[in-house]
Amino acid sequence: MIFRIDPTRDEPLYAQLVAQVHVAVARGEVGAGYRLPSARELATTLDLNMHTVLHAYQVLRDEGVIELRRGRGAIVAANAPRDLAHVQTALAGFIRAARDVGLSVEAATMLLQAEMGR
């Protein structure tokens, strides 16, 4: 799994990591038992503070997506939520509607972020 962080985005860095793991699990790119990089390794690779990565891992643990095991690191949980078919269908409808009214990608993204923040 390849992580990409954009420090210029308004979304916090830890939340960007959380979202990327969610998407990778939902798409089946990583499955139960997949070992994520250690917090230290990921922080070094992405030039982040290790506490940022640890915060992301704690959020993922609290959501049931990963298990944190001493000495083994962060492992994708066997019961991690996977099926996003209904979300992808709704998103496709949103994209069609946004294009129909001429919304830019930026405007559509802001609209989606505002709705998600409610």
PDB file of N, CA and C in Angstrom:
ATOM      1  N   MET A   1       0.853  -1.180   0.000  1.00  0.00           N
ATOM      2  CA  MET A   1       0.000   0.000   0.000  1.00  0.00           C
ATOM      3  C   MET A   1       0.892   1.233   0.000  1.00  0.00           C
ATOM      4  N   ILE A   2       0.547   2.170  -0.847  1.00  0.00           N
ATOM      5  CA  ILE A   2       1.317   3.412  -0.955  1.00  0.00           C
ATOM      6  C   ILE A   2       0.491   4.547  -0.358  1.00  0.00           C
ATOM      7  N   PHE A   3       1.081   5.253   0.583  1.00  0.00           N
ATOM      8  CA  PHE A   3       0.428   6.393   1.218  1.00  0.00           C
ATOM      9  C   PHE A   3       0.893   7.672   0.539  1.00  0.00           C
ATOM     10  N   ARG A   4      -0.059   8.587   0.356  1.00  0.00           N
ATOM     11  CA  ARG A   4       0.265   9.904  -0.193  1.00  0.00           C
ATOM     12  C   ARG A   4      -0.382  10.952   0.700  1.00  0.00           C
ATOM     13  N   ILE A   5       0.400  11.926   1.086  1.00  0.00           N
ATOM     14  CA  ILE A   5      -0.070  12.994   1.962  1.00  0.00           C
ATOM     15  C   ILE A   5       0.094  14.318   1.233  1.00  0.00           C
ATOM     16  N   ASP A   6      -0.922  15.167   1.333  1.00  0.00           N
ATOM     17  CA  ASP A   6      -0.857  16.493   0.737  1.00  0.00           C
ATOM     18  C   ASP A   6      -0.968  17.523   1.860  1.00  0.00           C
ATOM     19  N   PRO A   7       0.168  18.069   2.285  1.00  0.00           N
ATOM     20  CA  PRO A   7       0.154  19.028   3.400  1.00  0.00           C
ATOM     21  C   PRO A   7      -0.562  20.335   3.071  1.00  0.00           C
ATOM     22  N   THR A   8      -0.874  20.581   1.796  1.00  0.00           N
ATOM     23  CA  THR A   8      -1.555  21.827   1.437  1.00  0.00           C
ATOM     24  C   THR A   8      -3.070  21.728   1.596  1.00  0.00           C
ATOM     25  N   ARG A   9      -3.586  20.524   1.784  1.00  0.00           N
ATOM     26  CA  ARG A   9      -5.033  20.338   1.951  1.00  0.00           C
ATOM     27  C   ARG A   9      -5.472  20.782   3.339  1.00  0.00           C
ATOM     28  N   ASP A  10      -6.736  21.146   3.454  1.00  0.00           N
ATOM     29  CA  ASP A  10      -7.305  21.543   4.745  1.00  0.00           C
ATOM     30  C   ASP A  10      -7.478  20.343   5.673  1.00  0.00           C
ATOM     31  N   GLU A  11      -7.629  19.153   5.108  1.00  0.00           N
ATOM     32  CA  GLU A  11      -7.835  17.941   5.897  1.00  0.00           C
ATOM     33  C   GLU A  11      -6.577  17.634   6.715  1.00  0.00           C
ATOM     34  N   PRO A  12      -6.730  17.369   8.003  1.00  0.00           N
ATOM     35  CA  PRO A  12      -5.552  17.050   8.822  1.00  0.00           C
ATOM     36  C   PRO A  12      -4.783  15.850   8.258  1.00  0.00           C
ATOM     37  N   LEU A  13      -3.489  15.848   8.490  1.00  0.00           N
ATOM     38  CA  LEU A  13      -2.634  14.793   7.952  1.00  0.00           C
ATOM     39  C   LEU A  13      -3.037  13.411   8.454  1.00  0.00           C
ATOM     40  N   TYR A  14      -3.363  13.311   9.750  1.00  0.00           N
ATOM     41  CA  TYR A  14      -3.750  12.004  10.281  1.00  0.00           C
ATOM     42  C   TYR A  14      -5.032  11.521   9.606  1.00  0.00           C
ATOM     43  N   ALA A  15      -5.958  12.439   9.316  1.00  0.00           N
ATOM     44  CA  ALA A  15      -7.218  12.069   8.676  1.00  0.00           C
ATOM     45  C   ALA A  15      -6.990  11.602   7.237  1.00  0.00           C
ATOM     46  N   GLN A  16      -5.993  12.167   6.575  1.00  0.00           N
ATOM     47  CA  GLN A  16      -5.653  11.704   5.234  1.00  0.00           C
ATOM     48  C   GLN A  16      -5.168  10.256   5.277  1.00  0.00           C
ATOM     49  N   LEU A  17      -4.376   9.929   6.285  1.00  0.00           N
ATOM     50  CA  LEU A  17      -3.912   8.540   6.438  1.00  0.00           C
ATOM     51  C   LEU A  17      -5.083   7.609   6.724  1.00  0.00           C
ATOM     52  N   VAL A  18      -5.959   8.016   7.624  1.00  0.00           N
ATOM     53  CA  VAL A  18      -7.126   7.208   7.978  1.00  0.00           C
ATOM     54  C   VAL A  18      -7.960   6.933   6.726  1.00  0.00           C
ATOM     55  N   ALA A  19      -8.221   7.967   5.956  1.00  0.00           N
ATOM     56  CA  ALA A  19      -9.046   7.823   4.756  1.00  0.00           C
ATOM     57  C   ALA A  19      -8.407   6.864   3.753  1.00  0.00           C
ATOM     58  N   GLN A  20      -7.094   6.930   3.608  1.00  0.00           N
ATOM     59  CA  GLN A  20      -6.423   6.063   2.649  1.00  0.00           C
ATOM     60  C   GLN A  20      -6.501   4.593   3.058  1.00  0.00           C
ATOM     61  N   VAL A  21      -6.420   4.328   4.336  1.00  0.00           N
ATOM     62  CA  VAL A  21      -6.547   2.943   4.804  1.00  0.00           C
ATOM     63  C   VAL A  21      -7.982   2.467   4.587  1.00  0.00           C
ATOM     64  N   HIS A  22      -8.955   3.312   4.906  1.00  0.00           N
ATOM     65  CA  HIS A  22     -10.360   2.954   4.691  1.00  0.00           C
ATOM     66  C   HIS A  22     -10.604   2.580   3.225  1.00  0.00           C
ATOM     67  N   VAL A  23     -10.116   3.402   2.327  1.00  0.00           N
ATOM     68  CA  VAL A  23     -10.340   3.164   0.899  1.00  0.00           C
ATOM     69  C   VAL A  23      -9.632   1.888   0.451  1.00  0.00           C
ATOM     70  N   ALA A  24      -8.401   1.675   0.899  1.00  0.00           N
ATOM     71  CA  ALA A  24      -7.666   0.470   0.508  1.00  0.00           C
ATOM     72  C   ALA A  24      -8.368  -0.798   0.985  1.00  0.00           C
ATOM     73  N   VAL A  25      -8.913  -0.760   2.195  1.00  0.00           N
ATOM     74  CA  VAL A  25      -9.650  -1.917   2.724  1.00  0.00           C
ATOM     75  C   VAL A  25     -10.933  -2.117   1.925  1.00  0.00           C
ATOM     76  N   ALA A  26     -11.662  -1.026   1.684  1.00  0.00           N
ATOM     77  CA  ALA A  26     -12.940  -1.124   0.967  1.00  0.00           C
ATOM     78  C   ALA A  26     -12.756  -1.632  -0.457  1.00  0.00           C
ATOM     79  N   ARG A  27     -11.668  -1.257  -1.085  1.00  0.00           N
ATOM     80  CA  ARG A  27     -11.406  -1.695  -2.462  1.00  0.00           C
ATOM     81  C   ARG A  27     -10.797  -3.093  -2.525  1.00  0.00           C
ATOM     82  N   GLY A  28     -10.470  -3.640  -1.379  1.00  0.00           N
ATOM     83  CA  GLY A  28      -9.864  -4.966  -1.365  1.00  0.00           C
ATOM     84  C   GLY A  28      -8.373  -4.962  -1.668  1.00  0.00           C
ATOM     85  N   GLU A  29      -7.762  -3.786  -1.649  1.00  0.00           N
ATOM     86  CA  GLU A  29      -6.321  -3.685  -1.909  1.00  0.00           C
ATOM     87  C   GLU A  29      -5.519  -4.269  -0.751  1.00  0.00           C
ATOM     88  N   VAL A  30      -6.069  -4.191   0.441  1.00  0.00           N
ATOM     89  CA  VAL A  30      -5.469  -4.815   1.621  1.00  0.00           C
ATOM     90  C   VAL A  30      -6.571  -5.568   2.347  1.00  0.00           C
ATOM     91  N   GLY A  31      -6.226  -6.714   2.883  1.00  0.00           N
ATOM     92  CA  GLY A  31      -7.223  -7.525   3.554  1.00  0.00           C
ATOM     93  C   GLY A  31      -6.819  -7.859   4.971  1.00  0.00           C
ATOM     94  N   ALA A  32      -7.633  -8.679   5.595  1.00  0.00           N
ATOM     95  CA  ALA A  32      -7.384  -9.098   6.969  1.00  0.00           C
ATOM     96  C   ALA A  32      -5.980  -9.671   7.096  1.00  0.00           C
ATOM     97  N   GLY A  33      -5.290  -9.222   8.112  1.00  0.00           N
ATOM     98  CA  GLY A  33      -3.943  -9.709   8.374  1.00  0.00           C
ATOM     99  C   GLY A  33      -2.845  -8.904   7.702  1.00  0.00           C
ATOM    100  N   TYR A  34      -3.218  -7.990   6.817  1.00  0.00           N
ATOM    101  CA  TYR A  34      -2.212  -7.160   6.148  1.00  0.00           C
ATOM    102  C   TYR A  34      -1.532  -6.275   7.183  1.00  0.00           C
ATOM    103  N   ARG A  35      -0.227  -6.262   7.157  1.00  0.00           N
ATOM    104  CA  ARG A  35       0.531  -5.474   8.122  1.00  0.00           C
ATOM    105  C   ARG A  35       0.863  -4.104   7.536  1.00  0.00           C
ATOM    106  N   LEU A  36       0.397  -3.070   8.213  1.00  0.00           N
ATOM    107  CA  LEU A  36       0.730  -1.704   7.818  1.00  0.00           C
ATOM    108  C   LEU A  36       2.154  -1.395   8.283  1.00  0.00           C
ATOM    109  N   PRO A  37       2.792  -0.410   7.672  1.00  0.00           N
ATOM    110  CA  PRO A  37       4.134  -0.035   8.117  1.00  0.00           C
ATOM    111  C   PRO A  37       4.118   0.415   9.576  1.00  0.00           C
ATOM    112  N   SER A  38       5.231   0.250  10.241  1.00  0.00           N
ATOM    113  CA  SER A  38       5.318   0.748  11.614  1.00  0.00           C
ATOM    114  C   SER A  38       5.133   2.262  11.596  1.00  0.00           C
ATOM    115  N   ALA A  39       4.683   2.804  12.716  1.00  0.00           N
ATOM    116  CA  ALA A  39       4.471   4.249  12.804  1.00  0.00           C
ATOM    117  C   ALA A  39       5.771   5.003  12.525  1.00  0.00           C
ATOM    118  N   ARG A  40       6.859   4.501  13.050  1.00  0.00           N
ATOM    119  CA  ARG A  40       8.150   5.162  12.840  1.00  0.00           C
ATOM    120  C   ARG A  40       8.541   5.135  11.357  1.00  0.00           C
ATOM    121  N   GLU A  41       8.363   3.979  10.738  1.00  0.00           N
ATOM    122  CA  GLU A  41       8.717   3.833   9.324  1.00  0.00           C
ATOM    123  C   GLU A  41       7.857   4.741   8.440  1.00  0.00           C
ATOM    124  N   LEU A  42       6.548   4.752   8.692  1.00  0.00           N
ATOM    125  CA  LEU A  42       5.648   5.568   7.883  1.00  0.00           C
ATOM    126  C   LEU A  42       5.916   7.057   8.101  1.00  0.00           C
ATOM    127  N   ALA A  43       6.180   7.431   9.326  1.00  0.00           N
ATOM    128  CA  ALA A  43       6.485   8.836   9.621  1.00  0.00           C
ATOM    129  C   ALA A  43       7.750   9.271   8.887  1.00  0.00           C
ATOM    130  N   THR A  44       8.758   8.419   8.894  1.00  0.00           N
ATOM    131  CA  THR A  44      10.007   8.742   8.209  1.00  0.00           C
ATOM    132  C   THR A  44       9.789   8.838   6.707  1.00  0.00           C
ATOM    133  N   THR A  45       9.079   7.877   6.149  1.00  0.00           N
ATOM    134  CA  THR A  45       8.839   7.843   4.707  1.00  0.00           C
ATOM    135  C   THR A  45       8.072   9.068   4.233  1.00  0.00           C
ATOM    136  N   LEU A  46       7.063   9.480   4.998  1.00  0.00           N
ATOM    137  CA  LEU A  46       6.208  10.600   4.596  1.00  0.00           C
ATOM    138  C   LEU A  46       6.662  11.941   5.167  1.00  0.00           C
ATOM    139  N   ASP A  47       7.740  11.928   5.925  1.00  0.00           N
ATOM    140  CA  ASP A  47       8.260  13.132   6.571  1.00  0.00           C
ATOM    141  C   ASP A  47       7.194  13.762   7.475  1.00  0.00           C
ATOM    142  N   LEU A  48       6.617  12.897   8.331  1.00  0.00           N
ATOM    143  CA  LEU A  48       5.612  13.323   9.302  1.00  0.00           C
ATOM    144  C   LEU A  48       6.124  13.105  10.711  1.00  0.00           C
ATOM    145  N   ASN A  49       5.471  13.755  11.645  1.00  0.00           N
ATOM    146  CA  ASN A  49       5.739  13.479  13.046  1.00  0.00           C
ATOM    147  C   ASN A  49       5.165  12.100  13.372  1.00  0.00           C
ATOM    148  N   MET A  50       5.893  11.304  14.122  1.00  0.00           N
ATOM    149  CA  MET A  50       5.427   9.961  14.443  1.00  0.00           C
ATOM    150  C   MET A  50       4.090   9.998  15.189  1.00  0.00           C
ATOM    151  N   HIS A  51       3.838  11.022  15.968  1.00  0.00           N
ATOM    152  CA  HIS A  51       2.582  11.122  16.704  1.00  0.00           C
ATOM    153  C   HIS A  51       1.386  11.304  15.760  1.00  0.00           C
ATOM    154  N   THR A  52       1.623  11.901  14.597  1.00  0.00           N
ATOM    155  CA  THR A  52       0.567  12.034  13.591  1.00  0.00           C
ATOM    156  C   THR A  52       0.145  10.651  13.106  1.00  0.00           C
ATOM    157  N   VAL A  53       1.122   9.805  12.811  1.00  0.00           N
ATOM    158  CA  VAL A  53       0.841   8.444  12.352  1.00  0.00           C
ATOM    159  C   VAL A  53       0.181   7.644  13.474  1.00  0.00           C
ATOM    160  N   LEU A  54       0.692   7.775  14.686  1.00  0.00           N
ATOM    161  CA  LEU A  54       0.096   7.063  15.818  1.00  0.00           C
ATOM    162  C   LEU A  54      -1.359   7.481  16.033  1.00  0.00           C
ATOM    163  N   HIS A  55      -1.642   8.769  15.859  1.00  0.00           N
ATOM    164  CA  HIS A  55      -3.025   9.247  15.990  1.00  0.00           C
ATOM    165  C   HIS A  55      -3.906   8.570  14.937  1.00  0.00           C
ATOM    166  N   ALA A  56      -3.430   8.509  13.702  1.00  0.00           N
ATOM    167  CA  ALA A  56      -4.197   7.846  12.631  1.00  0.00           C
ATOM    168  C   ALA A  56      -4.435   6.384  12.980  1.00  0.00           C
ATOM    169  N   TYR A  57      -3.411   5.700  13.446  1.00  0.00           N
ATOM    170  CA  TYR A  57      -3.546   4.290  13.801  1.00  0.00           C
ATOM    171  C   TYR A  57      -4.525   4.109  14.969  1.00  0.00           C
ATOM    172  N   GLN A  58      -4.522   5.032  15.925  1.00  0.00           N
ATOM    173  CA  GLN A  58      -5.456   4.937  17.049  1.00  0.00           C
ATOM    174  C   GLN A  58      -6.894   5.133  16.590  1.00  0.00           C
ATOM    175  N   VAL A  59      -7.113   6.053  15.657  1.00  0.00           N
ATOM    176  CA  VAL A  59      -8.454   6.265  15.110  1.00  0.00           C
ATOM    177  C   VAL A  59      -8.917   5.005  14.380  1.00  0.00           C
ATOM    178  N   LEU A  60      -8.035   4.440  13.563  1.00  0.00           N
ATOM    179  CA  LEU A  60      -8.372   3.211  12.831  1.00  0.00           C
ATOM    180  C   LEU A  60      -8.659   2.055  13.787  1.00  0.00           C
ATOM    181  N   ARG A  61      -7.901   1.986  14.878  1.00  0.00           N
ATOM    182  CA  ARG A  61      -8.149   0.952  15.892  1.00  0.00           C
ATOM    183  C   ARG A  61      -9.517   1.151  16.529  1.00  0.00           C
ATOM    184  N   ASP A  62      -9.818   2.390  16.900  1.00  0.00           N
ATOM    185  CA  ASP A  62     -11.096   2.688  17.542  1.00  0.00           C
ATOM    186  C   ASP A  62     -12.277   2.406  16.617  1.00  0.00           C
ATOM    187  N   GLU A  63     -12.057   2.514  15.315  1.00  0.00           N
ATOM    188  CA  GLU A  63     -13.110   2.244  14.325  1.00  0.00           C
ATOM    189  C   GLU A  63     -13.205   0.761  13.973  1.00  0.00           C
ATOM    190  N   GLY A  64     -12.281  -0.050  14.494  1.00  0.00           N
ATOM    191  CA  GLY A  64     -12.304  -1.484  14.223  1.00  0.00           C
ATOM    192  C   GLY A  64     -11.679  -1.890  12.906  1.00  0.00           C
ATOM    193  N   VAL A  65     -10.958  -0.981  12.281  1.00  0.00           N
ATOM    194  CA  VAL A  65     -10.345  -1.274  10.985  1.00  0.00           C
ATOM    195  C   VAL A  65      -9.029  -2.024  11.159  1.00  0.00           C
ATOM    196  N   ILE A  66      -8.269  -1.661  12.188  1.00  0.00           N
ATOM    197  CA  ILE A  66      -7.000  -2.336  12.441  1.00  0.00           C
ATOM    198  C   ILE A  66      -6.927  -2.781  13.893  1.00  0.00           C
ATOM    199  N   GLU A  67      -6.011  -3.688  14.133  1.00  0.00           N
ATOM    200  CA  GLU A  67      -5.660  -4.098  15.491  1.00  0.00           C
ATOM    201  C   GLU A  67      -4.217  -3.674  15.713  1.00  0.00           C
ATOM    202  N   LEU A  68      -3.946  -3.127  16.873  1.00  0.00           N
ATOM    203  CA  LEU A  68      -2.582  -2.756  17.227  1.00  0.00           C
ATOM    204  C   LEU A  68      -2.054  -3.831  18.169  1.00  0.00           C
ATOM    205  N   ARG A  69      -1.017  -4.510  17.724  1.00  0.00           N
ATOM    206  CA  ARG A  69      -0.460  -5.600  18.518  1.00  0.00           C
ATOM    207  C   ARG A  69       0.989  -5.290  18.873  1.00  0.00           C
ATOM    208  N   ARG A  70       1.251  -5.338  20.145  1.00  0.00           N
ATOM    209  CA  ARG A  70       2.612  -5.077  20.615  1.00  0.00           C
ATOM    210  C   ARG A  70       3.574  -6.069  19.956  1.00  0.00           C
ATOM    211  N   GLY A  71       4.602  -5.529  19.350  1.00  0.00           N
ATOM    212  CA  GLY A  71       5.611  -6.365  18.709  1.00  0.00           C
ATOM    213  C   GLY A  71       5.265  -6.785  17.293  1.00  0.00           C
ATOM    214  N   ARG A  72       3.987  -6.652  16.901  1.00  0.00           N
ATOM    215  CA  ARG A  72       3.572  -7.022  15.544  1.00  0.00           C
ATOM    216  C   ARG A  72       3.103  -5.823  14.749  1.00  0.00           C
ATOM    217  N   GLY A  73       2.791  -4.735  15.412  1.00  0.00           N
ATOM    218  CA  GLY A  73       2.390  -3.525  14.721  1.00  0.00           C
ATOM    219  C   GLY A  73       0.913  -3.447  14.421  1.00  0.00           C
ATOM    220  N   ALA A  74       0.596  -2.716  13.364  1.00  0.00           N
ATOM    221  CA  ALA A  74      -0.786  -2.470  12.957  1.00  0.00           C
ATOM    222  C   ALA A  74      -1.180  -3.476  11.888  1.00  0.00           C
ATOM    223  N   ILE A  75      -2.223  -4.249  12.187  1.00  0.00           N
ATOM    224  CA  ILE A  75      -2.692  -5.309  11.297  1.00  0.00           C
ATOM    225  C   ILE A  75      -4.146  -5.018  10.939  1.00  0.00           C
ATOM    226  N   VAL A  76      -4.500  -5.158   9.649  1.00  0.00           N
ATOM    227  CA  VAL A  76      -5.897  -4.976   9.250  1.00  0.00           C
ATOM    228  C   VAL A  76      -6.726  -6.055   9.932  1.00  0.00           C
ATOM    229  N   ALA A  77      -7.790  -5.623  10.583  1.00  0.00           N
ATOM    230  CA  ALA A  77      -8.645  -6.525  11.356  1.00  0.00           C
ATOM    231  C   ALA A  77      -9.454  -7.431  10.438  1.00  0.00           C
ATOM    232  N   ALA A  78      -9.749  -8.618  10.950  1.00  0.00           N
ATOM    233  CA  ALA A  78     -10.536  -9.584  10.185  1.00  0.00           C
ATOM    234  C   ALA A  78     -11.949  -9.067   9.929  1.00  0.00           C
ATOM    235  N   ASN A  79     -12.473  -8.270  10.844  1.00  0.00           N
ATOM    236  CA  ASN A  79     -13.834  -7.760  10.698  1.00  0.00           C
ATOM    237  C   ASN A  79     -13.868  -6.315  10.217  1.00  0.00           C
ATOM    238  N   ALA A  80     -12.814  -5.865   9.542  1.00  0.00           N
ATOM    239  CA  ALA A  80     -12.773  -4.488   9.046  1.00  0.00           C
ATOM    240  C   ALA A  80     -13.891  -4.271   8.032  1.00  0.00           C
ATOM    241  N   PRO A  81     -14.585  -3.134   8.127  1.00  0.00           N
ATOM    242  CA  PRO A  81     -15.654  -2.850   7.163  1.00  0.00           C
ATOM    243  C   PRO A  81     -15.096  -2.846   5.742  1.00  0.00           C
ATOM    244  N   ARG A  82     -15.797  -3.504   4.808  1.00  0.00           N
ATOM    245  CA  ARG A  82     -15.252  -3.647   3.469  1.00  0.00           C
ATOM    246  C   ARG A  82     -16.153  -3.154   2.343  1.00  0.00           C
ATOM    247  N   ASP A  83     -17.425  -3.403   2.431  1.00  0.00           N
ATOM    248  CA  ASP A  83     -18.294  -3.199   1.286  1.00  0.00           C
ATOM    249  C   ASP A  83     -18.749  -1.747   1.170  1.00  0.00           C
ATOM    250  N   LEU A  84     -18.219  -1.072   0.172  1.00  0.00           N
ATOM    251  CA  LEU A  84     -18.614   0.310  -0.077  1.00  0.00           C
ATOM    252  C   LEU A  84     -19.386   0.443  -1.382  1.00  0.00           C
ATOM    253  N   ALA A  85     -19.945  -0.648  -1.867  1.00  0.00           N
ATOM    254  CA  ALA A  85     -20.655  -0.616  -3.149  1.00  0.00           C
ATOM    255  C   ALA A  85     -21.760   0.438  -3.134  1.00  0.00           C
ATOM    256  N   HIS A  86     -22.525   0.506  -2.035  1.00  0.00           N
ATOM    257  CA  HIS A  86     -23.613   1.483  -1.971  1.00  0.00           C
ATOM    258  C   HIS A  86     -23.082   2.917  -1.939  1.00  0.00           C
ATOM    259  N   VAL A  87     -21.928   3.116  -1.311  1.00  0.00           N
ATOM    260  CA  VAL A  87     -21.321   4.450  -1.283  1.00  0.00           C
ATOM    261  C   VAL A  87     -20.823   4.818  -2.676  1.00  0.00           C
ATOM    262  N   GLN A  88     -20.202   3.864  -3.367  1.00  0.00           N
ATOM    263  CA  GLN A  88     -19.701   4.137  -4.713  1.00  0.00           C
ATOM    264  C   GLN A  88     -20.848   4.436  -5.676  1.00  0.00           C
ATOM    265  N   THR A  89     -21.970   3.757  -5.518  1.00  0.00           N
ATOM    266  CA  THR A  89     -23.135   4.016  -6.359  1.00  0.00           C
ATOM    267  C   THR A  89     -23.658   5.426  -6.102  1.00  0.00           C
ATOM    268  N   ALA A  90     -23.777   5.791  -4.840  1.00  0.00           N
ATOM    269  CA  ALA A  90     -24.252   7.133  -4.487  1.00  0.00           C
ATOM    270  C   ALA A  90     -23.269   8.197  -4.973  1.00  0.00           C
ATOM    271  N   LEU A  91     -21.984   7.918  -4.856  1.00  0.00           N
ATOM    272  CA  LEU A  91     -20.965   8.861  -5.304  1.00  0.00           C
ATOM    273  C   LEU A  91     -21.032   9.065  -6.810  1.00  0.00           C
ATOM    274  N   ALA A  92     -21.258   7.986  -7.547  1.00  0.00           N
ATOM    275  CA  ALA A  92     -21.390   8.098  -9.007  1.00  0.00           C
ATOM    276  C   ALA A  92     -22.570   9.008  -9.353  1.00  0.00           C
ATOM    277  N   GLY A  93     -23.671   8.873  -8.609  1.00  0.00           N
ATOM    278  CA  GLY A  93     -24.825   9.747  -8.825  1.00  0.00           C
ATOM    279  C   GLY A  93     -24.502  11.195  -8.494  1.00  0.00           C
ATOM    280  N   PHE A  94     -23.773  11.402  -7.420  1.00  0.00           N
ATOM    281  CA  PHE A  94     -23.360  12.749  -7.027  1.00  0.00           C
ATOM    282  C   PHE A  94     -22.490  13.374  -8.115  1.00  0.00           C
ATOM    283  N   ILE A  95     -21.557  12.604  -8.640  1.00  0.00           N
ATOM    284  CA  ILE A  95     -20.657  13.117  -9.678  1.00  0.00           C
ATOM    285  C   ILE A  95     -21.441  13.491 -10.935  1.00  0.00           C
ATOM    286  N   ARG A  96     -22.373  12.633 -11.340  1.00  0.00           N
ATOM    287  CA  ARG A  96     -23.203  12.943 -12.511  1.00  0.00           C
ATOM    288  C   ARG A  96     -23.989  14.237 -12.290  1.00  0.00           C
ATOM    289  N   ALA A  97     -24.592  14.366 -11.110  1.00  0.00           N
ATOM    290  CA  ALA A  97     -25.384  15.565 -10.805  1.00  0.00           C
ATOM    291  C   ALA A  97     -24.501  16.806 -10.772  1.00  0.00           C
ATOM    292  N   ALA A  98     -23.312  16.690 -10.191  1.00  0.00           N
ATOM    293  CA  ALA A  98     -22.392  17.830 -10.120  1.00  0.00           C
ATOM    294  C   ALA A  98     -21.969  18.268 -11.521  1.00  0.00           C
ATOM    295  N   ARG A  99     -21.692  17.302 -12.382  1.00  0.00           N
ATOM    296  CA  ARG A  99     -21.318  17.629 -13.767  1.00  0.00           C
ATOM    297  C   ARG A  99     -22.485  18.266 -14.508  1.00  0.00           C
ATOM    298  N   ASP A 100     -23.696  17.752 -14.258  1.00  0.00           N
ATOM    299  CA  ASP A 100     -24.880  18.275 -14.937  1.00  0.00           C
ATOM    300  C   ASP A 100     -25.110  19.751 -14.646  1.00  0.00           C
ATOM    301  N   VAL A 101     -24.771  20.190 -13.429  1.00  0.00           N
ATOM    302  CA  VAL A 101     -24.972  21.600 -13.083  1.00  0.00           C
ATOM    303  C   VAL A 101     -23.701  22.424 -13.243  1.00  0.00           C
ATOM    304  N   GLY A 102     -22.640  21.794 -13.746  1.00  0.00           N
ATOM    305  CA  GLY A 102     -21.415  22.529 -14.048  1.00  0.00           C
ATOM    306  C   GLY A 102     -20.516  22.832 -12.864  1.00  0.00           C
ATOM    307  N   LEU A 103     -20.631  22.057 -11.777  1.00  0.00           N
ATOM    308  CA  LEU A 103     -19.746  22.287 -10.629  1.00  0.00           C
ATOM    309  C   LEU A 103     -18.321  21.868 -10.970  1.00  0.00           C
ATOM    310  N   SER A 104     -17.372  22.663 -10.536  1.00  0.00           N
ATOM    311  CA  SER A 104     -15.972  22.282 -10.694  1.00  0.00           C
ATOM    312  C   SER A 104     -15.642  21.184  -9.687  1.00  0.00           C
ATOM    313  N   VAL A 105     -14.523  20.514  -9.894  1.00  0.00           N
ATOM    314  CA  VAL A 105     -14.080  19.488  -8.951  1.00  0.00           C
ATOM    315  C   VAL A 105     -13.908  20.104  -7.571  1.00  0.00           C
ATOM    316  N   GLU A 106     -13.328  21.293  -7.531  1.00  0.00           N
ATOM    317  CA  GLU A 106     -13.097  21.968  -6.252  1.00  0.00           C
ATOM    318  C   GLU A 106     -14.405  22.280  -5.541  1.00  0.00           C
ATOM    319  N   ALA A 107     -15.391  22.790  -6.283  1.00  0.00           N
ATOM    320  CA  ALA A 107     -16.678  23.127  -5.673  1.00  0.00           C
ATOM    321  C   ALA A 107     -17.400  21.868  -5.205  1.00  0.00           C
ATOM    322  N   ALA A 108     -17.358  20.812  -6.013  1.00  0.00           N
ATOM    323  CA  ALA A 108     -17.998  19.550  -5.630  1.00  0.00           C
ATOM    324  C   ALA A 108     -17.331  18.971  -4.392  1.00  0.00           C
ATOM    325  N   THR A 109     -16.019  19.058  -4.325  1.00  0.00           N
ATOM    326  CA  THR A 109     -15.279  18.561  -3.171  1.00  0.00           C
ATOM    327  C   THR A 109     -15.648  19.343  -1.917  1.00  0.00           C
ATOM    328  N   MET A 110     -15.724  20.656  -2.043  1.00  0.00           N
ATOM    329  CA  MET A 110     -16.102  21.484  -0.889  1.00  0.00           C
ATOM    330  C   MET A 110     -17.511  21.153  -0.416  1.00  0.00           C
ATOM    331  N   LEU A 111     -18.408  20.927  -1.356  1.00  0.00           N
ATOM    332  CA  LEU A 111     -19.782  20.571  -1.011  1.00  0.00           C
ATOM    333  C   LEU A 111     -19.819  19.240  -0.271  1.00  0.00           C
ATOM    334  N   LEU A 112     -19.087  18.279  -0.774  1.00  0.00           N
ATOM    335  CA  LEU A 112     -19.023  16.964  -0.133  1.00  0.00           C
ATOM    336  C   LEU A 112     -18.401  17.062   1.261  1.00  0.00           C
ATOM    337  N   GLN A 113     -17.321  17.814   1.386  1.00  0.00           N
ATOM    338  CA  GLN A 113     -16.684  17.977   2.687  1.00  0.00           C
ATOM    339  C   GLN A 113     -17.618  18.654   3.673  1.00  0.00           C
ATOM    340  N   ALA A 114     -18.372  19.644   3.220  1.00  0.00           N
ATOM    341  CA  ALA A 114     -19.312  20.329   4.107  1.00  0.00           C
ATOM    342  C   ALA A 114     -20.392  19.375   4.584  1.00  0.00           C
ATOM    343  N   GLU A 115     -20.889  18.540   3.701  1.00  0.00           N
ATOM    344  CA  GLU A 115     -21.923  17.577   4.084  1.00  0.00           C
ATOM    345  C   GLU A 115     -21.376  16.513   5.033  1.00  0.00           C
ATOM    346  N   MET A 116     -20.163  16.076   4.792  1.00  0.00           N
ATOM    347  CA  MET A 116     -19.548  15.056   5.651  1.00  0.00           C
ATOM    348  C   MET A 116     -19.254  15.615   7.040  1.00  0.00           C
ATOM    349  N   GLY A 117     -19.040  16.917   7.128  1.00  0.00           N
ATOM    350  CA  GLY A 117     -18.719  17.544   8.398  1.00  0.00           C
ATOM    351  C   GLY A 117     -19.917  17.779   9.295  1.00  0.00           C
ATOM    352  N   ARG A 118     -21.094  17.558   8.788  1.00  0.00           N
ATOM    353  CA  ARG A 118     -22.316  17.795   9.581  1.00  0.00           C
ATOM    354  C   ARG A 118     -22.423  16.851  10.723  1.00  0.00           C
TER     355      ARG A 118
END
